[in-house]
Amino acid sequence: MSTLSQSIFKAYDIRGIIGKTLDASVARRIGQAFGAAALAKGERTVVIGRDGRLSGPELAAALAAGLQSTGLDVIDLGLVATPMLYFATATLGAPSGIMVTGSHNPPDYNGFKMVLAGEAIHGDTIQALYHAIVKDHFPQGQGNYRTHDITAAYIERIAGDVKLARPMKIAVDCGNGVAGAFAPALYRAMGCEVTELFCEVDGTFPNHHPDPAHPENLQDLIACLRDTDAELGLAFDGDGDRLGVVTKDG
């Protein structure tokens, strides 16, 4: 069991190394602390989701158990991109949510991005979760648990709102991150012809690191645009909330 370290409570999220500063026991306590904060805001349900990292299922299960132990109900979206978690908090009548994700960090990292009563929390609010865990006085209850698939509603909403002037040929590089489970279907629903690169979700990220902010991670996509008739290249990070764009000239 990992000892709770204040170092994982960052400015905009909670993030640690699996087996060193983050494990299921820490995730459960984070669920309890967030649950107490949500109840104080009058919330009754929290939506959770996870990216494709190998530690995700265990952390998500522990997080849900912690939330339920405070009396909160949990809606588990399963494997989703971070924007899908945010979409769920805006459409399911449950404006609090937690995404289990290591974002663009190495495979042995994981963490939590959080929305409390409709607001992405940061700074002192995240530090308050740490101090609540240290005090270890949480509400007691037994909330309900259910799963929900948000994929079809998410794709339908974007495809309905965004209309392309003409069909496009695009290449999509998901770097084996969770966006690979959704992005190709989304762009096809928008009328695009899609060439897929590394869209199989694999938390070991075997081909290149899923961080489009670094040019070395875009080389396969650049080559694809050079060698095919794709007009535009899109590269996603590990949890699908960062996007890199590559043009035909590289």
Protein backbone atom coordinates (compact mmCIF):
# COMPACT_ATOMS: atom_id res chain seq x y z
CA MET A 1 0.00 0.00 0.00
CA SER A 2 1.43 3.38 -1.05
CA THR A 3 1.90 6.01 1.63
CA LEU A 4 -0.11 9.14 0.86
CA SER A 5 2.21 11.78 -0.58
CA GLN A 6 1.17 15.42 -0.89
CA SER A 7 3.41 15.60 -3.97
CA ILE A 8 0.76 13.90 -6.13
CA PHE A 9 -1.74 16.72 -5.48
CA LYS A 10 -0.78 19.06 -8.32
CA ALA A 11 -2.12 22.45 -9.38
CA TYR A 12 -4.71 21.10 -11.81
CA ASP A 13 -4.96 17.37 -11.15
CA ILE A 14 -3.75 14.49 -9.01
CA ARG A 15 -0.93 12.52 -10.62
CA GLY A 16 1.47 9.86 -9.40
CA ILE A 17 3.54 6.80 -10.25
CA ILE A 18 1.80 3.45 -9.94
CA GLY A 19 3.15 1.37 -7.07
CA LYS A 20 5.19 4.25 -5.68
CA THR A 21 2.95 7.22 -4.98
CA LEU A 22 -0.37 5.96 -6.34
CA ASP A 23 -2.28 2.70 -5.93
CA ALA A 24 -5.81 1.42 -5.25
CA SER A 25 -5.71 2.37 -1.57
CA VAL A 26 -4.84 5.97 -2.42
CA ALA A 27 -7.54 6.02 -5.12
CA ARG A 28 -10.15 4.86 -2.61
CA ARG A 29 -9.22 7.62 -0.17
CA ILE A 30 -9.35 10.18 -2.97
CA GLY A 31 -12.85 8.91 -3.72
CA GLN A 32 -13.84 9.41 -0.09
CA ALA A 33 -12.44 12.94 0.04
CA PHE A 34 -14.03 13.94 -3.26
CA GLY A 35 -17.28 12.34 -2.13
CA ALA A 36 -17.32 14.45 1.01
CA ALA A 37 -16.66 17.59 -1.04
CA ALA A 38 -19.42 16.68 -3.51
CA LEU A 39 -21.94 16.05 -0.74
CA ALA A 40 -21.09 19.44 0.75
CA LYS A 41 -22.06 20.95 -2.62
CA GLY A 42 -25.38 19.11 -2.60
CA GLU A 43 -24.31 16.53 -5.17
CA ARG A 44 -25.72 13.01 -5.10
CA THR A 45 -24.07 11.35 -8.11
CA VAL A 46 -20.54 11.33 -9.55
CA VAL A 47 -19.59 10.22 -13.06
CA ILE A 48 -16.27 8.41 -13.52
CA GLY A 49 -14.30 7.21 -16.54
CA ARG A 50 -10.80 5.99 -17.37
CA ASP A 51 -8.29 6.06 -20.19
CA GLY A 52 -6.45 3.06 -21.61
CA ARG A 53 -3.62 2.75 -19.08
CA LEU A 54 -3.09 -0.69 -17.61
CA SER A 55 -3.67 0.54 -14.05
CA GLY A 56 -6.97 2.20 -14.97
CA PRO A 57 -9.47 -0.57 -14.13
CA GLU A 58 -8.06 -1.14 -10.63
CA LEU A 59 -7.88 2.56 -9.81
CA ALA A 60 -11.37 3.23 -11.17
CA ALA A 61 -12.86 0.40 -9.12
CA ALA A 62 -11.19 1.67 -5.94
CA LEU A 63 -12.24 5.24 -6.70
CA ALA A 64 -15.85 4.12 -7.16
CA ALA A 65 -15.75 2.19 -3.88
CA GLY A 66 -14.51 5.29 -2.06
CA LEU A 67 -17.21 7.47 -3.57
CA GLN A 68 -19.94 4.95 -2.78
CA SER A 69 -18.75 4.61 0.82
CA THR A 70 -19.74 8.24 1.41
CA GLY A 71 -23.26 7.56 0.13
CA LEU A 72 -22.80 8.92 -3.38
CA ASP A 73 -24.10 7.10 -6.44
CA VAL A 74 -21.58 6.35 -9.19
CA ILE A 75 -22.11 6.26 -12.95
CA ASP A 76 -19.16 4.46 -14.55
CA LEU A 77 -18.56 5.29 -18.21
CA GLY A 78 -15.74 2.75 -18.50
CA LEU A 79 -13.14 3.41 -21.21
CA VAL A 80 -13.57 6.99 -22.46
CA ALA A 81 -11.61 10.03 -23.55
CA THR A 82 -11.49 12.92 -21.08
CA PRO A 83 -13.79 15.17 -23.17
CA MET A 84 -16.40 12.41 -23.05
CA LEU A 85 -16.30 12.49 -19.25
CA TYR A 86 -16.85 16.25 -19.35
CA PHE A 87 -19.70 15.77 -21.84
CA ALA A 88 -21.31 13.26 -19.49
CA THR A 89 -21.20 15.69 -16.56
CA ALA A 90 -23.03 18.21 -18.74
CA THR A 91 -25.70 15.85 -20.07
CA LEU A 92 -26.46 13.15 -17.47
CA GLY A 93 -27.74 15.40 -14.71
CA ALA A 94 -24.60 14.69 -12.65
CA PRO A 95 -22.28 17.71 -12.85
CA SER A 96 -19.47 16.15 -10.80
CA GLY A 97 -17.01 13.73 -12.38
CA ILE A 98 -13.58 12.18 -12.12
CA MET A 99 -11.46 10.98 -15.03
CA VAL A 100 -8.82 8.37 -14.21
CA THR A 101 -6.00 9.33 -16.56
CA GLY A 102 -2.27 9.77 -16.85
CA SER A 103 -2.85 12.19 -19.73
CA HIS A 104 0.38 12.60 -21.76
CA ASN A 105 2.69 11.21 -19.06
CA PRO A 106 4.73 7.96 -19.23
CA PRO A 107 2.93 4.57 -18.95
CA ASP A 108 3.72 4.08 -15.26
CA TYR A 109 1.86 7.26 -14.32
CA ASN A 110 -1.83 7.66 -13.65
CA GLY A 111 -4.01 10.20 -11.94
CA PHE A 112 -7.31 12.04 -11.71
CA LYS A 113 -8.86 15.05 -13.43
CA MET A 114 -11.88 16.28 -11.51
CA VAL A 115 -15.04 18.32 -12.01
CA LEU A 116 -16.94 19.35 -8.87
CA ALA A 117 -20.48 20.67 -9.28
CA GLY A 118 -19.77 21.78 -12.84
CA GLU A 119 -16.35 23.34 -12.25
CA ALA A 120 -12.92 21.86 -13.00
CA ILE A 121 -11.15 22.01 -9.66
CA HIS A 122 -7.60 23.26 -9.14
CA GLY A 123 -5.24 24.82 -6.64
CA ASP A 124 -6.54 25.05 -3.08
CA THR A 125 -9.53 22.84 -3.83
CA ILE A 126 -7.21 19.98 -4.80
CA GLN A 127 -5.04 20.60 -1.74
CA ALA A 128 -8.18 20.47 0.40
CA LEU A 129 -8.70 16.87 -0.76
CA TYR A 130 -5.26 15.98 0.59
CA HIS A 131 -5.99 17.59 3.95
CA ALA A 132 -9.37 15.83 4.14
CA ILE A 133 -7.66 12.48 3.60
CA VAL A 134 -5.17 13.26 6.37
CA LYS A 135 -8.03 14.09 8.78
CA ASP A 136 -9.78 10.84 7.78
CA HIS A 137 -13.33 11.83 8.80
CA PHE A 138 -15.71 11.02 5.97
CA PRO A 139 -19.48 10.67 5.64
CA GLN A 140 -20.71 7.09 5.79
CA GLY A 141 -23.23 5.55 3.43
CA GLN A 142 -23.61 3.10 0.58
CA GLY A 143 -24.24 4.61 -2.81
CA ASN A 144 -25.42 2.76 -5.88
CA TYR A 145 -23.29 1.85 -8.90
CA ARG A 146 -24.23 1.58 -12.56
CA THR A 147 -22.49 1.67 -15.90
CA HIS A 148 -23.38 3.87 -18.85
CA ASP A 149 -22.18 4.00 -22.46
CA ILE A 150 -21.90 7.65 -23.56
CA THR A 151 -20.21 6.93 -26.92
CA ALA A 152 -23.17 7.12 -29.30
CA ALA A 153 -24.56 10.29 -27.72
CA TYR A 154 -21.13 11.96 -27.81
CA ILE A 155 -20.49 11.14 -31.48
CA GLU A 156 -24.04 12.09 -32.46
CA ARG A 157 -23.76 15.45 -30.73
CA ILE A 158 -20.49 16.44 -32.41
CA ALA A 159 -21.45 15.11 -35.84
CA GLY A 160 -24.72 17.01 -35.56
CA ASP A 161 -23.11 20.28 -34.48
CA VAL A 162 -20.06 20.31 -36.77
CA LYS A 163 -20.70 20.36 -40.51
CA LEU A 164 -17.75 20.19 -42.89
CA ALA A 165 -17.86 22.25 -46.08
CA ARG A 166 -16.78 19.16 -48.01
CA PRO A 167 -15.66 15.60 -47.25
CA MET A 168 -12.00 15.32 -46.27
CA LYS A 169 -9.34 12.65 -46.31
CA ILE A 170 -7.55 12.67 -42.97
CA ALA A 171 -5.03 10.60 -41.05
CA VAL A 172 -5.53 10.09 -37.32
CA ASP A 173 -2.68 9.03 -35.02
CA CYS A 174 -3.89 8.14 -31.53
CA GLY A 175 -0.55 6.80 -30.29
CA ASN A 176 -2.39 3.78 -28.82
CA GLY A 177 -4.18 6.13 -26.43
CA VAL A 178 -7.87 5.93 -25.59
CA ALA A 179 -8.89 8.31 -28.41
CA GLY A 180 -8.27 5.41 -30.80
CA ALA A 181 -11.48 3.77 -29.58
CA PHE A 182 -13.58 6.76 -30.66
CA ALA A 183 -11.87 9.28 -32.94
CA PRO A 184 -11.98 7.28 -36.21
CA ALA A 185 -15.71 6.60 -35.77
CA LEU A 186 -16.34 10.23 -34.93
CA TYR A 187 -14.59 11.57 -38.02
CA ARG A 188 -16.28 9.02 -40.26
CA ALA A 189 -19.62 10.13 -38.83
CA MET A 190 -18.65 13.66 -39.90
CA GLY A 191 -18.08 12.43 -43.46
CA CYS A 192 -14.30 12.03 -43.47
CA GLU A 193 -12.27 9.27 -45.06
CA VAL A 194 -9.95 8.15 -42.25
CA THR A 195 -6.53 6.50 -42.32
CA GLU A 196 -5.85 5.08 -38.85
CA LEU A 197 -2.44 5.08 -37.19
CA PHE A 198 -2.00 3.30 -33.84
CA CYS A 199 -5.69 3.44 -32.95
CA GLU A 200 -5.61 0.16 -31.00
CA VAL A 201 -5.78 1.09 -27.31
CA ASP A 202 -2.64 -0.21 -25.58
CA GLY A 203 -1.53 1.24 -22.27
CA THR A 204 2.09 0.32 -22.92
CA PHE A 205 2.17 2.78 -25.87
CA PRO A 206 4.34 0.46 -28.00
CA ASN A 207 4.77 2.69 -31.07
CA HIS A 208 5.46 6.18 -29.78
CA HIS A 209 4.52 8.24 -26.76
CA PRO A 210 1.05 9.80 -27.06
CA ASP A 211 2.06 13.43 -26.67
CA PRO A 212 1.64 15.50 -29.85
CA ALA A 213 3.41 18.48 -28.27
CA HIS A 214 6.75 16.88 -29.18
CA PRO A 215 7.69 16.65 -32.89
CA GLU A 216 9.36 13.25 -32.48
CA ASN A 217 5.92 11.78 -31.76
CA LEU A 218 4.53 13.10 -35.04
CA GLN A 219 6.98 11.48 -37.44
CA ASP A 220 4.69 8.58 -38.42
CA LEU A 221 1.85 10.98 -39.09
CA ILE A 222 4.10 13.28 -41.15
CA ALA A 223 5.22 10.27 -43.21
CA CYS A 224 1.62 9.18 -43.73
CA LEU A 225 0.65 12.58 -45.12
CA ARG A 226 3.70 12.54 -47.37
CA ASP A 227 3.04 9.05 -48.73
CA THR A 228 -0.77 9.01 -49.03
CA ASP A 229 -3.52 11.27 -50.33
CA ALA A 230 -4.56 12.31 -46.80
CA GLU A 231 -5.04 16.09 -46.65
CA LEU A 232 -4.67 16.63 -42.91
CA GLY A 233 -3.18 14.77 -39.97
CA LEU A 234 -4.54 14.75 -36.41
CA ALA A 235 -2.60 13.40 -33.42
CA PHE A 236 -4.09 12.86 -29.97
CA ASP A 237 -2.54 12.53 -26.54
CA GLY A 238 -3.17 9.62 -24.16
CA ASP A 239 -6.60 10.73 -22.91
CA GLY A 240 -7.82 12.52 -26.03
CA ASP A 241 -7.91 16.11 -24.78
CA ARG A 242 -4.82 17.37 -26.61
CA LEU A 243 -4.61 17.64 -30.37
CA GLY A 244 -1.71 18.14 -32.73
CA VAL A 245 -2.36 19.05 -36.36
CA VAL A 246 -0.04 18.22 -39.27
CA THR A 247 -0.48 19.74 -42.72
CA LYS A 248 0.39 18.20 -46.05
CA ASP A 249 3.77 19.93 -46.19
CA GLY A 250 4.78 18.40 -42.83
